[in-house]
PDB file of N, CA and C in Angstrom:
ATOM      1  N   ILE A   1      -3.027  11.611  35.861  1.00  0.00           N
ATOM      2  CA  ILE A   1      -2.458  12.726  35.135  1.00  0.00           C
ATOM      3  C   ILE A   1      -1.265  12.267  34.287  1.00  0.00           C
ATOM      4  N   CYS A   2      -0.545  11.306  34.799  1.00  0.00           N
ATOM      5  CA  CYS A   2       0.609  10.796  34.041  1.00  0.00           C
ATOM      6  C   CYS A   2       0.160  10.074  32.773  1.00  0.00           C
ATOM      7  N   VAL A   3      -0.971   9.372  32.860  1.00  0.00           N
ATOM      8  CA  VAL A   3      -1.475   8.656  31.692  1.00  0.00           C
ATOM      9  C   VAL A   3      -1.905   9.636  30.607  1.00  0.00           C
ATOM     10  N   VAL A   4      -2.567  10.710  30.996  1.00  0.00           N
ATOM     11  CA  VAL A   4      -2.993  11.721  30.024  1.00  0.00           C
ATOM     12  C   VAL A   4      -1.773  12.366  29.380  1.00  0.00           C
ATOM     13  N   PHE A   5      -0.781  12.679  30.176  1.00  0.00           N
ATOM     14  CA  PHE A   5       0.440  13.266  29.638  1.00  0.00           C
ATOM     15  C   PHE A   5       1.137  12.309  28.671  1.00  0.00           C
ATOM     16  N   ALA A   6       1.160  11.019  28.996  1.00  0.00           N
ATOM     17  CA  ALA A   6       1.776  10.023  28.124  1.00  0.00           C
ATOM     18  C   ALA A   6       1.012   9.892  26.810  1.00  0.00           C
ATOM     19  N   VAL A   7      -0.312   9.953  26.879  1.00  0.00           N
ATOM     20  CA  VAL A   7      -1.122   9.873  25.653  1.00  0.00           C
ATOM     21  C   VAL A   7      -0.872  11.085  24.774  1.00  0.00           C
ATOM     22  N   ILE A   8      -0.783  12.259  25.382  1.00  0.00           N
ATOM     23  CA  ILE A   8      -0.530  13.482  24.606  1.00  0.00           C
ATOM     24  C   ILE A   8       0.839  13.408  23.935  1.00  0.00           C
ATOM     25  N   ILE A   9       1.838  12.965  24.665  1.00  0.00           N
ATOM     26  CA  ILE A   9       3.178  12.839  24.075  1.00  0.00           C
ATOM     27  C   ILE A   9       3.182  11.808  22.952  1.00  0.00           C
ATOM     28  N   SER A  10       2.459  10.720  23.120  1.00  0.00           N
ATOM     29  CA  SER A  10       2.428   9.707  22.059  1.00  0.00           C
ATOM     30  C   SER A  10       1.707  10.212  20.818  1.00  0.00           C
ATOM     31  N   VAL A  11       0.666  11.013  20.989  1.00  0.00           N
ATOM     32  CA  VAL A  11      -0.036  11.575  19.822  1.00  0.00           C
ATOM     33  C   VAL A  11       0.883  12.535  19.068  1.00  0.00           C
ATOM     34  N   PHE A  12       1.598  13.397  19.804  1.00  0.00           N
ATOM     35  CA  PHE A  12       2.536  14.303  19.137  1.00  0.00           C
ATOM     36  C   PHE A  12       3.663  13.537  18.452  1.00  0.00           C
ATOM     37  N   SER A  13       4.135  12.479  19.070  1.00  0.00           N
ATOM     38  CA  SER A  13       5.178  11.663  18.441  1.00  0.00           C
ATOM     39  C   SER A  13       4.672  11.007  17.166  1.00  0.00           C
ATOM     40  N   LEU A  14       3.431  10.546  17.194  1.00  0.00           N
ATOM     41  CA  LEU A  14       2.831   9.955  16.005  1.00  0.00           C
ATOM     42  C   LEU A  14       2.724  10.960  14.881  1.00  0.00           C
ATOM     43  N   ILE A  15       2.250  12.164  15.182  1.00  0.00           N
ATOM     44  CA  ILE A  15       2.081  13.188  14.151  1.00  0.00           C
ATOM     45  C   ILE A  15       3.430  13.577  13.543  1.00  0.00           C
ATOM     46  N   PHE A  16       4.433  13.804  14.391  1.00  0.00           N
ATOM     47  CA  PHE A  16       5.736  14.192  13.853  1.00  0.00           C
ATOM     48  C   PHE A  16       6.404  13.038  13.116  1.00  0.00           C
ATOM     49  N   GLY A  17       6.160  11.816  13.534  1.00  0.00           N
ATOM     50  CA  GLY A  17       6.667  10.664  12.781  1.00  0.00           C
ATOM     51  C   GLY A  17       6.034  10.562  11.406  1.00  0.00           C
ATOM     52  N   LEU A  18       4.721  10.828  11.345  1.00  0.00           N
ATOM     53  CA  LEU A  18       4.052  10.829  10.039  1.00  0.00           C
ATOM     54  C   LEU A  18       4.585  11.948   9.155  1.00  0.00           C
ATOM     55  N   LEU A  19       4.830  13.113   9.739  1.00  0.00           N
ATOM     56  CA  LEU A  19       5.392  14.219   8.961  1.00  0.00           C
ATOM     57  C   LEU A  19       6.744  13.848   8.363  1.00  0.00           C
ATOM     58  N   ILE A  20       7.608  13.299   9.185  1.00  0.00           N
ATOM     59  CA  ILE A  20       8.939  12.935   8.696  1.00  0.00           C
ATOM     60  C   ILE A  20       8.847  11.806   7.671  1.00  0.00           C
ATOM     61  N   GLY A  21       7.977  10.835   7.924  1.00  0.00           N
ATOM     62  CA  GLY A  21       7.843   9.707   6.999  1.00  0.00           C
ATOM     63  C   GLY A  21       7.307  10.110   5.639  1.00  0.00           C
ATOM     64  N   PHE A  22       6.227  10.895   5.627  1.00  0.00           N
ATOM     65  CA  PHE A  22       5.668  11.334   4.344  1.00  0.00           C
ATOM     66  C   PHE A  22       6.614  12.280   3.617  1.00  0.00           C
ATOM     67  N   GLY A  23       7.327  13.120   4.357  1.00  0.00           N
ATOM     68  CA  GLY A  23       8.288  14.023   3.723  1.00  0.00           C
ATOM     69  C   GLY A  23       9.442  13.268   3.088  1.00  0.00           C
ATOM     70  N   ALA A  24       9.959  12.277   3.804  1.00  0.00           N
ATOM     71  CA  ALA A  24      11.057  11.475   3.250  1.00  0.00           C
ATOM     72  C   ALA A  24      10.586  10.661   2.048  1.00  0.00           C
ATOM     73  N   ALA A  25       9.360  10.150   2.115  1.00  0.00           N
ATOM     74  CA  ALA A  25       8.832   9.393   0.977  1.00  0.00           C
ATOM     75  C   ALA A  25       8.662  10.303  -0.243  1.00  0.00           C
ATOM     76  N   ALA A  26       8.211  11.536  -0.020  1.00  0.00           N
ATOM     77  CA  ALA A  26       8.049  12.467  -1.149  1.00  0.00           C
ATOM     78  C   ALA A  26       9.395  12.767  -1.794  1.00  0.00           C
ATOM     79  N   VAL A  27      10.416  13.012  -0.986  1.00  0.00           N
ATOM     80  CA  VAL A  27      11.743  13.303  -1.534  1.00  0.00           C
ATOM     81  C   VAL A  27      12.280  12.101  -2.302  1.00  0.00           C
ATOM     82  N   SER A  28      12.103  10.904  -1.756  1.00  0.00           N
ATOM     83  CA  SER A  28      12.620   9.723  -2.455  1.00  0.00           C
ATOM     84  C   SER A  28      11.859   9.462  -3.754  1.00  0.00           C
ATOM     85  N   PHE A  29      10.556   9.723  -3.765  1.00  0.00           N
ATOM     86  CA  PHE A  29       9.805   9.572  -5.015  1.00  0.00           C
ATOM     87  C   PHE A  29      10.266  10.585  -6.063  1.00  0.00           C
ATOM     88  N   TYR A  30      10.554  11.821  -5.637  1.00  0.00           N
ATOM     89  CA  TYR A  30      11.029  12.816  -6.596  1.00  0.00           C
ATOM     90  C   TYR A  30      12.388  12.444  -7.169  1.00  0.00           C
ATOM     91  N   VAL A  31      13.275  11.945  -6.331  1.00  0.00           N
ATOM     92  CA  VAL A  31      14.601  11.525  -6.817  1.00  0.00           C
ATOM     93  C   VAL A  31      14.452  10.365  -7.796  1.00  0.00           C
ATOM     94  N   THR A  32      13.589   9.402  -7.450  1.00  0.00           N
ATOM     95  CA  THR A  32      13.365   8.262  -8.341  1.00  0.00           C
ATOM     96  C   THR A  32      12.754   8.708  -9.665  1.00  0.00           C
ATOM     97  N   ALA A  33      11.825   9.651  -9.609  1.00  0.00           N
ATOM     98  CA  ALA A  33      11.206  10.155 -10.842  1.00  0.00           C
ATOM     99  C   ALA A  33      12.239  10.839 -11.729  1.00  0.00           C
ATOM    100  N   PHE A  34      13.119  11.621 -11.113  1.00  0.00           N
ATOM    101  CA  PHE A  34      14.150  12.298 -11.884  1.00  0.00           C
ATOM    102  C   PHE A  34      15.098  11.297 -12.536  1.00  0.00           C
ATOM    103  N   VAL A  35      15.507  10.283 -11.783  1.00  0.00           N
ATOM    104  CA  VAL A  35      16.418   9.269 -12.328  1.00  0.00           C
ATOM    105  C   VAL A  35      15.755   8.500 -13.463  1.00  0.00           C
ATOM    106  N   CYS A  36      14.484   8.132 -13.275  1.00  0.00           N
ATOM    107  CA  CYS A  36      13.777   7.399 -14.341  1.00  0.00           C
ATOM    108  C   CYS A  36      13.620   8.253 -15.591  1.00  0.00           C
ATOM    109  N   ALA A  37      13.343   9.542 -15.423  1.00  0.00           N
ATOM    110  CA  ALA A  37      13.193  10.421 -16.585  1.00  0.00           C
ATOM    111  C   ALA A  37      14.518  10.575 -17.331  1.00  0.00           C
ATOM    112  N   VAL A  38      15.596  10.756 -16.595  1.00  0.00           N
ATOM    113  CA  VAL A  38      16.906  10.901 -17.238  1.00  0.00           C
ATOM    114  C   VAL A  38      17.273   9.612 -17.976  1.00  0.00           C
ATOM    115  N   LEU A  39      17.089   8.479 -17.307  1.00  0.00           N
ATOM    116  CA  LEU A  39      17.396   7.207 -17.970  1.00  0.00           C
ATOM    117  C   LEU A  39      16.485   6.967 -19.175  1.00  0.00           C
ATOM    118  N   GLY A  40      15.242   7.403 -19.075  1.00  0.00           N
ATOM    119  CA  GLY A  40      14.328   7.256 -20.210  1.00  0.00           C
ATOM    120  C   GLY A  40      14.801   8.018 -21.430  1.00  0.00           C
ATOM    121  N   PHE A  41      15.313   9.223 -21.225  1.00  0.00           N
ATOM    122  CA  PHE A  41      15.820   9.990 -22.359  1.00  0.00           C
ATOM    123  C   PHE A  41      17.158   9.463 -22.862  1.00  0.00           C
ATOM    124  N   VAL A  42      17.951   8.882 -21.961  1.00  0.00           N
ATOM    125  CA  VAL A  42      19.234   8.319 -22.385  1.00  0.00           C
ATOM    126  C   VAL A  42      19.013   7.069 -23.232  1.00  0.00           C
ATOM    127  N   VAL A  43      18.028   6.245 -22.865  1.00  0.00           N
ATOM    128  CA  VAL A  43      17.782   4.974 -23.553  1.00  0.00           C
ATOM    129  C   VAL A  43      16.950   5.176 -24.827  1.00  0.00           C
ATOM    130  N   LEU A  44      16.401   6.360 -25.039  1.00  0.00           N
ATOM    131  CA  LEU A  44      15.516   6.608 -26.180  1.00  0.00           C
ATOM    132  C   LEU A  44      16.118   6.221 -27.538  1.00  0.00           C
ATOM    133  N   PRO A  45      17.383   6.549 -27.848  1.00  0.00           N
ATOM    134  CA  PRO A  45      17.905   6.134 -29.160  1.00  0.00           C
ATOM    135  C   PRO A  45      18.099   4.621 -29.290  1.00  0.00           C
ATOM    136  N   VAL A  46      18.268   3.928 -28.162  1.00  0.00           N
ATOM    137  CA  VAL A  46      18.548   2.498 -28.216  1.00  0.00           C
ATOM    138  C   VAL A  46      17.267   1.692 -28.331  1.00  0.00           C
ATOM    139  N   ASN A  47      16.312   1.945 -27.453  1.00  0.00           N
ATOM    140  CA  ASN A  47      15.087   1.156 -27.417  1.00  0.00           C
ATOM    141  C   ASN A  47      13.945   2.062 -26.980  1.00  0.00           C
ATOM    142  N   ALA A  48      13.031   2.327 -27.886  1.00  0.00           N
ATOM    143  CA  ALA A  48      11.942   3.261 -27.606  1.00  0.00           C
ATOM    144  C   ALA A  48      10.938   2.680 -26.610  1.00  0.00           C
ATOM    145  N   LEU A  49      10.722   1.369 -26.630  1.00  0.00           N
ATOM    146  CA  LEU A  49       9.751   0.758 -25.718  1.00  0.00           C
ATOM    147  C   LEU A  49      10.233   0.848 -24.269  1.00  0.00           C
ATOM    148  N   VAL A  50      11.490   0.555 -24.039  1.00  0.00           N
ATOM    149  CA  VAL A  50      12.053   0.659 -22.690  1.00  0.00           C
ATOM    150  C   VAL A  50      12.065   2.125 -22.244  1.00  0.00           C
ATOM    151  N   SER A  51      12.349   3.012 -23.177  1.00  0.00           N
ATOM    152  CA  SER A  51      12.355   4.430 -22.858  1.00  0.00           C
ATOM    153  C   SER A  51      10.964   4.902 -22.420  1.00  0.00           C
ATOM    154  N   GLY A  52       9.941   4.436 -23.146  1.00  0.00           N
ATOM    155  CA  GLY A  52       8.572   4.788 -22.767  1.00  0.00           C
ATOM    156  C   GLY A  52       8.192   4.243 -21.403  1.00  0.00           C
ATOM    157  N   ALA A  53       8.649   3.032 -21.105  1.00  0.00           N
ATOM    158  CA  ALA A  53       8.364   2.443 -19.792  1.00  0.00           C
ATOM    159  C   ALA A  53       9.059   3.228 -18.683  1.00  0.00           C
ATOM    160  N   LEU A  54      10.302   3.636 -18.920  1.00  0.00           N
ATOM    161  CA  LEU A  54      11.026   4.414 -17.912  1.00  0.00           C
ATOM    162  C   LEU A  54      10.395   5.791 -17.712  1.00  0.00           C
ATOM    163  N   LEU A  55      10.008   6.434 -18.800  1.00  0.00           N
ATOM    164  CA  LEU A  55       9.372   7.745 -18.670  1.00  0.00           C
ATOM    165  C   LEU A  55       8.016   7.636 -17.966  1.00  0.00           C
ATOM    166  N   GLY A  56       7.275   6.579 -18.276  1.00  0.00           N
ATOM    167  CA  GLY A  56       5.989   6.375 -17.606  1.00  0.00           C
ATOM    168  C   GLY A  56       6.139   6.094 -16.125  1.00  0.00           C
ATOM    169  N   SER A  57       7.137   5.287 -15.782  1.00  0.00           N
ATOM    170  CA  SER A  57       7.366   5.020 -14.363  1.00  0.00           C
ATOM    171  C   SER A  57       7.878   6.268 -13.651  1.00  0.00           C
ATOM    172  N   GLY A  58       8.612   7.097 -14.334  1.00  0.00           N
ATOM    173  CA  GLY A  58       9.028   8.372 -13.759  1.00  0.00           C
ATOM    174  C   GLY A  58       7.848   9.279 -13.476  1.00  0.00           C
ATOM    175  N   CYS A  59       6.887   9.307 -14.403  1.00  0.00           N
ATOM    176  CA  CYS A  59       5.673  10.106 -14.175  1.00  0.00           C
ATOM    177  C   CYS A  59       4.859   9.561 -13.004  1.00  0.00           C
ATOM    178  N   LEU A  60       4.774   8.240 -12.897  1.00  0.00           N
ATOM    179  CA  LEU A  60       4.052   7.641 -11.766  1.00  0.00           C
ATOM    180  C   LEU A  60       4.741   7.945 -10.442  1.00  0.00           C
ATOM    181  N   CYS A  61       6.065   7.905 -10.434  1.00  0.00           N
ATOM    182  CA  CYS A  61       6.794   8.238  -9.206  1.00  0.00           C
ATOM    183  C   CYS A  61       6.624   9.710  -8.846  1.00  0.00           C
ATOM    184  N   ALA A  62       6.584  10.572  -9.830  1.00  0.00           N
ATOM    185  CA  ALA A  62       6.356  11.991  -9.556  1.00  0.00           C
ATOM    186  C   ALA A  62       4.957  12.209  -8.986  1.00  0.00           C
ATOM    187  N   ALA A  63       3.974  11.491  -9.512  1.00  0.00           N
ATOM    188  CA  ALA A  63       2.613  11.606  -8.984  1.00  0.00           C
ATOM    189  C   ALA A  63       2.530  11.093  -7.552  1.00  0.00           C
ATOM    190  N   ALA A  64       3.220  10.006  -7.252  1.00  0.00           N
ATOM    191  CA  ALA A  64       3.246   9.498  -5.879  1.00  0.00           C
ATOM    192  C   ALA A  64       3.962  10.481  -4.952  1.00  0.00           C
ATOM    193  N   GLY A  65       4.993  11.150  -5.449  1.00  0.00           N
ATOM    194  CA  GLY A  65       5.681  12.168  -4.657  1.00  0.00           C
ATOM    195  C   GLY A  65       4.785  13.355  -4.356  1.00  0.00           C
ATOM    196  N   ILE A  66       3.990  13.758  -5.335  1.00  0.00           N
ATOM    197  CA  ILE A  66       3.037  14.844  -5.107  1.00  0.00           C
ATOM    198  C   ILE A  66       1.999  14.430  -4.076  1.00  0.00           C
ATOM    199  N   LEU A  67       1.538  13.182  -4.151  1.00  0.00           N
ATOM    200  CA  LEU A  67       0.580  12.684  -3.168  1.00  0.00           C
ATOM    201  C   LEU A  67       1.174  12.696  -1.762  1.00  0.00           C
ATOM    202  N   CYS A  68       2.414  12.261  -1.618  1.00  0.00           N
ATOM    203  CA  CYS A  68       3.056  12.269  -0.302  1.00  0.00           C
ATOM    204  C   CYS A  68       3.274  13.694   0.197  1.00  0.00           C
ATOM    205  N   MET A  69       3.560  14.620  -0.717  1.00  0.00           N
ATOM    206  CA  MET A  69       3.730  16.007  -0.309  1.00  0.00           C
ATOM    207  C   MET A  69       2.403  16.592   0.178  1.00  0.00           C
ATOM    208  N   ILE A  70       1.308  16.258  -0.504  1.00  0.00           N
ATOM    209  CA  ILE A  70      -0.011  16.715  -0.069  1.00  0.00           C
ATOM    210  C   ILE A  70      -0.346  16.123   1.298  1.00  0.00           C
ATOM    211  N   LEU A  71      -0.037  14.842   1.506  1.00  0.00           N
ATOM    212  CA  LEU A  71      -0.282  14.225   2.809  1.00  0.00           C
ATOM    213  C   LEU A  71       0.567  14.873   3.901  1.00  0.00           C
ATOM    214  N   THR A  72       1.793  15.263   3.575  1.00  0.00           N
ATOM    215  CA  THR A  72       2.631  15.950   4.549  1.00  0.00           C
ATOM    216  C   THR A  72       2.005  17.267   4.971  1.00  0.00           C
ATOM    217  N   VAL A  73       1.488  18.017   4.003  1.00  0.00           N
ATOM    218  CA  VAL A  73       0.855  19.295   4.323  1.00  0.00           C
ATOM    219  C   VAL A  73      -0.416  19.077   5.139  1.00  0.00           C
ATOM    220  N   LEU A  74      -1.210  18.072   4.778  1.00  0.00           N
ATOM    221  CA  LEU A  74      -2.437  17.815   5.531  1.00  0.00           C
ATOM    222  C   LEU A  74      -2.159  17.388   6.968  1.00  0.00           C
ATOM    223  N   VAL A  75      -1.140  16.565   7.165  1.00  0.00           N
ATOM    224  CA  VAL A  75      -0.779  16.168   8.523  1.00  0.00           C
ATOM    225  C   VAL A  75      -0.237  17.367   9.290  1.00  0.00           C
ATOM    226  N   ALA A  76       0.531  18.234   8.627  1.00  0.00           N
ATOM    227  CA  ALA A  76       1.066  19.421   9.296  1.00  0.00           C
ATOM    228  C   ALA A  76      -0.056  20.383   9.694  1.00  0.00           C
ATOM    229  N   MET A  77      -1.147  20.382   8.944  1.00  0.00           N
ATOM    230  CA  MET A  77      -2.266  21.253   9.289  1.00  0.00           C
ATOM    231  C   MET A  77      -3.011  20.771  10.524  1.00  0.00           C
ATOM    232  N   THR A  78      -2.832  19.520  10.923  1.00  0.00           N
ATOM    233  CA  THR A  78      -3.511  19.029  12.111  1.00  0.00           C
ATOM    234  C   THR A  78      -2.798  19.395  13.400  1.00  0.00           C
ATOM    235  N   VAL A  79      -1.545  19.838  13.327  1.00  0.00           N
ATOM    236  CA  VAL A  79      -0.780  20.151  14.535  1.00  0.00           C
ATOM    237  C   VAL A  79      -1.427  21.280  15.344  1.00  0.00           C
ATOM    238  N   PRO A  80      -1.836  22.412  14.739  1.00  0.00           N
ATOM    239  CA  PRO A  80      -2.489  23.444  15.558  1.00  0.00           C
ATOM    240  C   PRO A  80      -3.803  22.969  16.184  1.00  0.00           C
ATOM    241  N   VAL A  81      -4.538  22.127  15.483  1.00  0.00           N
ATOM    242  CA  VAL A  81      -5.790  21.609  16.018  1.00  0.00           C
ATOM    243  C   VAL A  81      -5.520  20.718  17.232  1.00  0.00           C
ATOM    244  N   ILE A  82      -4.495  19.907  17.142  1.00  0.00           N
ATOM    245  CA  ILE A  82      -4.143  19.041  18.275  1.00  0.00           C
ATOM    246  C   ILE A  82      -3.680  19.884  19.459  1.00  0.00           C
ATOM    247  N   CYS A  83      -2.928  20.954  19.207  1.00  0.00           N
ATOM    248  CA  CYS A  83      -2.499  21.828  20.303  1.00  0.00           C
ATOM    249  C   CYS A  83      -3.683  22.508  20.968  1.00  0.00           C
ATOM    250  N   LYS A  84      -4.646  22.976  20.164  1.00  0.00           N
ATOM    251  CA  LYS A  84      -5.844  23.599  20.742  1.00  0.00           C
ATOM    252  C   LYS A  84      -6.652  22.584  21.545  1.00  0.00           C
ATOM    253  N   GLY A  85      -6.773  21.380  21.035  1.00  0.00           N
ATOM    254  CA  GLY A  85      -7.500  20.341  21.757  1.00  0.00           C
ATOM    255  C   GLY A  85      -6.810  19.965  23.058  1.00  0.00           C
ATOM    256  N   THR A  86      -5.486  19.916  23.034  1.00  0.00           N
ATOM    257  CA  THR A  86      -4.738  19.605  24.246  1.00  0.00           C
ATOM    258  C   THR A  86      -4.903  20.715  25.277  1.00  0.00           C
ATOM    259  N   ALA A  87      -4.833  21.969  24.836  1.00  0.00           N
ATOM    260  CA  ALA A  87      -5.022  23.087  25.762  1.00  0.00           C
ATOM    261  C   ALA A  87      -6.428  23.070  26.349  1.00  0.00           C
ATOM    262  N   TRP A  88      -7.412  22.781  25.506  1.00  0.00           N
ATOM    263  CA  TRP A  88      -8.787  22.699  26.004  1.00  0.00           C
ATOM    264  C   TRP A  88      -8.925  21.583  27.030  1.00  0.00           C
ATOM    265  N   LEU A  89      -8.297  20.446  26.776  1.00  0.00           N
ATOM    266  CA  LEU A  89      -8.367  19.321  27.705  1.00  0.00           C
ATOM    267  C   LEU A  89      -7.721  19.658  29.047  1.00  0.00           C
ATOM    268  N   TRP A  90      -6.566  20.309  29.009  1.00  0.00           N
ATOM    269  CA  TRP A  90      -5.900  20.673  30.255  1.00  0.00           C
ATOM    270  C   TRP A  90      -6.708  21.711  31.026  1.00  0.00           C
ATOM    271  N   ARG A  91      -7.300  22.682  30.319  1.00  0.00           N
ATOM    272  CA  ARG A  91      -8.144  23.656  31.007  1.00  0.00           C
ATOM    273  C   ARG A  91      -9.363  23.002  31.628  1.00  0.00           C
ATOM    274  N   LYS A  92      -9.922  22.041  30.929  1.00  0.00           N
ATOM    275  CA  LYS A  92     -11.104  21.337  31.431  1.00  0.00           C
ATOM    276  C   LYS A  92     -10.751  20.500  32.668  1.00  0.00           C
ATOM    277  N   MET A  93      -9.580  19.872  32.639  1.00  0.00           N
ATOM    278  CA  MET A  93      -9.195  19.010  33.755  1.00  0.00           C
ATOM    279  C   MET A  93      -8.789  19.804  34.988  1.00  0.00           C
ATOM    280  N   PHE A  94      -8.069  20.910  34.805  1.00  0.00           N
ATOM    281  CA  PHE A  94      -7.515  21.645  35.916  1.00  0.00           C
ATOM    282  C   PHE A  94      -8.152  23.017  36.048  1.00  0.00           C
ATOM    283  N   ARG A  95      -9.458  23.070  35.932  1.00  0.00           N
ATOM    284  CA  ARG A  95     -10.175  24.329  36.064  1.00  0.00           C
ATOM    285  C   ARG A  95     -10.143  24.765  37.525  1.00  0.00           C
ATOM    286  N   LYS A  96      -9.948  26.063  37.737  1.00  0.00           N
ATOM    287  CA  LYS A  96      -9.922  26.585  39.108  1.00  0.00           C
ATOM    288  C   LYS A  96     -11.347  26.705  39.611  1.00  0.00           C
ATOM    289  N   ALA A  97     -11.547  26.296  40.844  1.00  0.00           N
ATOM    290  CA  ALA A  97     -12.891  26.313  41.425  1.00  0.00           C
ATOM    291  C   ALA A  97     -13.269  27.664  41.980  1.00  0.00           C
TER     292      ALA A  97
END
């Protein structure tokens, strides 16, 4: 019973770690995208090629941030399923005779 409990706790720890990791990655990508976009517009009068590269990298960072946000939502949607599966497992193991 202790092993099953340890496995359940480790699965929940994994899911919440993924949630925090993907959420932090999404926030950092958004901040990076904003900084690249601002710098791209600041550098525009000086060098158009560098400005285009900065704006493009800002768009790529924003797209990666959106991807991480979608992954955060998808991982968060698995939490109720894991809870239902855990409840089913406990009922199956400790069924009253």
